[in-house]
Amino acid sequence: FAGAAEQLKEALLVNPYDTQGTAQAIQRALAMPLDERRQRHSALMTTLRKTDVHWWRTRFLEALAEAAEVADAI
């Protein structure tokens, strides 16, 4: 449902409309070994630090400028 799912690969992804799948993901998270939880958390935090709001803003403005150039060329 969001582009963040593509970037946050270590997260347990769920479809919010799938209650059974969500329950299974919660169960998996609760049963996850501590070492795996720590590894996933560390990887997710690294990604979040690299792709903060400023990163998203820059990417959005670059895409907007590209679209404007294409539109001007038409």
N, C-alpha and C. Protein backbone atom coordinates (compact mmCIF):
# COMPACT_ATOMS: atom_id res chain seq x y z
N PHE A 1 0.80 -1.20 0.00
CA PHE A 1 0.00 0.00 0.00
C PHE A 1 0.84 1.27 0.00
N ALA A 2 2.13 1.11 0.24
CA ALA A 2 2.98 2.30 0.28
C ALA A 2 4.36 1.96 -0.26
N GLY A 3 5.01 2.97 -0.80
CA GLY A 3 6.37 2.77 -1.29
C GLY A 3 7.35 2.40 -0.19
N ALA A 4 7.00 2.74 1.03
CA ALA A 4 7.89 2.41 2.14
C ALA A 4 8.10 0.91 2.25
N ALA A 5 7.12 0.12 1.85
CA ALA A 5 7.26 -1.33 1.92
C ALA A 5 8.41 -1.82 1.06
N GLU A 6 8.67 -1.13 -0.03
CA GLU A 6 9.79 -1.51 -0.89
C GLU A 6 11.13 -1.20 -0.23
N GLN A 7 11.17 -0.17 0.56
CA GLN A 7 12.43 0.24 1.20
C GLN A 7 12.67 -0.46 2.52
N LEU A 8 11.64 -0.74 3.24
CA LEU A 8 11.78 -1.33 4.58
C LEU A 8 11.64 -2.84 4.49
N LYS A 9 12.58 -3.46 3.81
CA LYS A 9 12.50 -4.88 3.49
C LYS A 9 12.53 -5.78 4.73
N GLU A 10 13.10 -5.30 5.81
CA GLU A 10 13.19 -6.12 7.01
C GLU A 10 11.90 -6.09 7.84
N ALA A 11 10.98 -5.22 7.49
CA ALA A 11 9.72 -5.12 8.23
C ALA A 11 8.82 -6.31 7.90
N LEU A 12 7.97 -6.64 8.84
CA LEU A 12 6.94 -7.64 8.58
C LEU A 12 5.77 -6.90 7.94
N LEU A 13 5.53 -7.18 6.69
CA LEU A 13 4.50 -6.46 5.95
C LEU A 13 3.14 -7.13 6.14
N VAL A 14 2.13 -6.31 6.25
CA VAL A 14 0.77 -6.82 6.39
C VAL A 14 -0.18 -6.02 5.50
N ASN A 15 -1.22 -6.68 5.08
CA ASN A 15 -2.33 -6.02 4.41
C ASN A 15 -3.31 -5.66 5.52
N PRO A 16 -3.55 -4.38 5.75
CA PRO A 16 -4.42 -4.00 6.87
C PRO A 16 -5.86 -4.50 6.74
N TYR A 17 -6.24 -4.93 5.55
CA TYR A 17 -7.58 -5.46 5.34
C TYR A 17 -7.63 -6.97 5.56
N ASP A 18 -6.49 -7.60 5.77
CA ASP A 18 -6.40 -9.04 5.98
C ASP A 18 -6.16 -9.31 7.46
N THR A 19 -7.23 -9.50 8.20
CA THR A 19 -7.10 -9.67 9.65
C THR A 19 -6.34 -10.95 10.00
N GLN A 20 -6.54 -12.01 9.25
CA GLN A 20 -5.83 -13.26 9.51
C GLN A 20 -4.33 -13.08 9.27
N GLY A 21 -3.99 -12.45 8.15
CA GLY A 21 -2.58 -12.20 7.85
C GLY A 21 -1.93 -11.29 8.86
N THR A 22 -2.65 -10.29 9.32
CA THR A 22 -2.13 -9.38 10.34
C THR A 22 -1.89 -10.13 11.65
N ALA A 23 -2.84 -10.98 12.03
CA ALA A 23 -2.68 -11.78 13.24
C ALA A 23 -1.47 -12.70 13.13
N GLN A 24 -1.26 -13.28 11.95
CA GLN A 24 -0.11 -14.16 11.74
C GLN A 24 1.20 -13.38 11.85
N ALA A 25 1.22 -12.17 11.31
CA ALA A 25 2.43 -11.35 11.39
C ALA A 25 2.73 -10.96 12.83
N ILE A 26 1.70 -10.65 13.59
CA ILE A 26 1.89 -10.32 15.01
C ILE A 26 2.43 -11.55 15.75
N GLN A 27 1.86 -12.70 15.46
CA GLN A 27 2.32 -13.93 16.09
C GLN A 27 3.78 -14.21 15.73
N ARG A 28 4.11 -14.01 14.46
CA ARG A 28 5.50 -14.21 14.02
C ARG A 28 6.44 -13.25 14.75
N ALA A 29 6.03 -12.00 14.87
CA ALA A 29 6.86 -11.00 15.55
C ALA A 29 7.07 -11.37 17.02
N LEU A 30 6.02 -11.81 17.67
CA LEU A 30 6.12 -12.17 19.09
C LEU A 30 6.99 -13.39 19.31
N ALA A 31 7.04 -14.28 18.33
CA ALA A 31 7.83 -15.50 18.45
C ALA A 31 9.25 -15.36 17.90
N MET A 32 9.54 -14.22 17.30
CA MET A 32 10.83 -14.01 16.63
C MET A 32 11.97 -14.01 17.66
N PRO A 33 13.05 -14.70 17.35
CA PRO A 33 14.20 -14.69 18.26
C PRO A 33 14.76 -13.27 18.43
N LEU A 34 15.28 -13.02 19.61
CA LEU A 34 15.80 -11.70 19.95
C LEU A 34 16.87 -11.24 18.96
N ASP A 35 17.78 -12.13 18.58
CA ASP A 35 18.82 -11.75 17.63
C ASP A 35 18.25 -11.28 16.30
N GLU A 36 17.21 -11.96 15.81
CA GLU A 36 16.58 -11.55 14.55
C GLU A 36 15.88 -10.21 14.71
N ARG A 37 15.21 -10.01 15.83
CA ARG A 37 14.54 -8.72 16.06
C ARG A 37 15.56 -7.59 16.08
N ARG A 38 16.67 -7.82 16.74
CA ARG A 38 17.70 -6.78 16.81
C ARG A 38 18.29 -6.49 15.44
N GLN A 39 18.54 -7.53 14.67
CA GLN A 39 19.10 -7.35 13.32
C GLN A 39 18.12 -6.57 12.45
N ARG A 40 16.85 -6.96 12.49
CA ARG A 40 15.85 -6.25 11.69
C ARG A 40 15.72 -4.80 12.12
N HIS A 41 15.69 -4.58 13.42
CA HIS A 41 15.57 -3.21 13.94
C HIS A 41 16.75 -2.36 13.49
N SER A 42 17.94 -2.89 13.60
CA SER A 42 19.14 -2.15 13.19
C SER A 42 19.09 -1.81 11.71
N ALA A 43 18.73 -2.79 10.88
CA ALA A 43 18.66 -2.54 9.44
C ALA A 43 17.58 -1.51 9.10
N LEU A 44 16.44 -1.61 9.76
CA LEU A 44 15.36 -0.65 9.51
C LEU A 44 15.77 0.76 9.92
N MET A 45 16.42 0.89 11.06
CA MET A 45 16.85 2.21 11.52
C MET A 45 17.90 2.81 10.59
N THR A 46 18.79 1.98 10.06
CA THR A 46 19.78 2.46 9.10
C THR A 46 19.08 3.02 7.87
N THR A 47 18.10 2.30 7.37
CA THR A 47 17.34 2.76 6.21
C THR A 47 16.61 4.06 6.52
N LEU A 48 15.99 4.13 7.67
CA LEU A 48 15.23 5.34 8.04
C LEU A 48 16.14 6.56 8.18
N ARG A 49 17.33 6.35 8.69
CA ARG A 49 18.26 7.48 8.82
C ARG A 49 18.73 7.98 7.46
N LYS A 50 18.88 7.07 6.51
CA LYS A 50 19.33 7.46 5.16
C LYS A 50 18.21 8.08 4.35
N THR A 51 17.00 7.64 4.56
CA THR A 51 15.88 8.09 3.73
C THR A 51 14.88 8.87 4.59
N ASP A 52 15.36 9.95 5.16
CA ASP A 52 14.51 10.77 6.02
C ASP A 52 13.66 11.72 5.17
N VAL A 53 12.98 12.62 5.82
CA VAL A 53 12.07 13.54 5.14
C VAL A 53 12.82 14.41 4.13
N HIS A 54 14.04 14.75 4.43
CA HIS A 54 14.82 15.58 3.50
C HIS A 54 15.16 14.78 2.24
N TRP A 55 15.48 13.51 2.37
CA TRP A 55 15.73 12.64 1.23
C TRP A 55 14.48 12.53 0.36
N TRP A 56 13.33 12.31 1.02
CA TRP A 56 12.07 12.20 0.28
C TRP A 56 11.75 13.51 -0.45
N ARG A 57 11.95 14.64 0.22
CA ARG A 57 11.69 15.94 -0.41
C ARG A 57 12.55 16.12 -1.65
N THR A 58 13.81 15.82 -1.54
CA THR A 58 14.72 15.97 -2.68
C THR A 58 14.29 15.09 -3.83
N ARG A 59 13.99 13.83 -3.55
CA ARG A 59 13.54 12.91 -4.60
C ARG A 59 12.25 13.41 -5.26
N PHE A 60 11.32 13.90 -4.45
CA PHE A 60 10.04 14.38 -4.99
C PHE A 60 10.26 15.59 -5.89
N LEU A 61 11.06 16.53 -5.44
CA LEU A 61 11.31 17.73 -6.24
C LEU A 61 12.07 17.41 -7.53
N GLU A 62 12.98 16.44 -7.47
CA GLU A 62 13.67 16.02 -8.69
C GLU A 62 12.69 15.39 -9.69
N ALA A 63 11.80 14.55 -9.20
CA ALA A 63 10.81 13.92 -10.07
C ALA A 63 9.86 14.97 -10.65
N LEU A 64 9.51 15.95 -9.85
CA LEU A 64 8.63 17.03 -10.31
C LEU A 64 9.31 17.85 -11.40
N ALA A 65 10.58 18.15 -11.22
CA ALA A 65 11.34 18.91 -12.23
C ALA A 65 11.46 18.11 -13.52
N GLU A 66 11.69 16.81 -13.41
CA GLU A 66 11.75 15.96 -14.61
C GLU A 66 10.43 15.97 -15.36
N ALA A 67 9.33 15.86 -14.62
CA ALA A 67 8.02 15.86 -15.24
C ALA A 67 7.75 17.19 -15.94
N ALA A 68 8.18 18.28 -15.33
CA ALA A 68 7.99 19.60 -15.93
C ALA A 68 8.79 19.72 -17.23
N GLU A 69 10.00 19.17 -17.25
CA GLU A 69 10.83 19.20 -18.46
C GLU A 69 10.17 18.40 -19.58
N VAL A 70 9.63 17.25 -19.24
CA VAL A 70 8.95 16.42 -20.24
C VAL A 70 7.72 17.15 -20.77
N ALA A 71 6.96 17.75 -19.87
CA ALA A 71 5.76 18.48 -20.29
C ALA A 71 6.12 19.66 -21.18
N ASP A 72 7.20 20.35 -20.87
CA ASP A 72 7.63 21.49 -21.67
C ASP A 72 8.08 21.06 -23.06
N ALA A 73 8.60 19.85 -23.16
CA ALA A 73 9.10 19.34 -24.45
C ALA A 73 7.97 18.89 -25.37
N ILE A 74 6.82 18.71 -24.82
CA ILE A 74 5.69 18.21 -25.63
C ILE A 74 5.04 19.33 -26.42
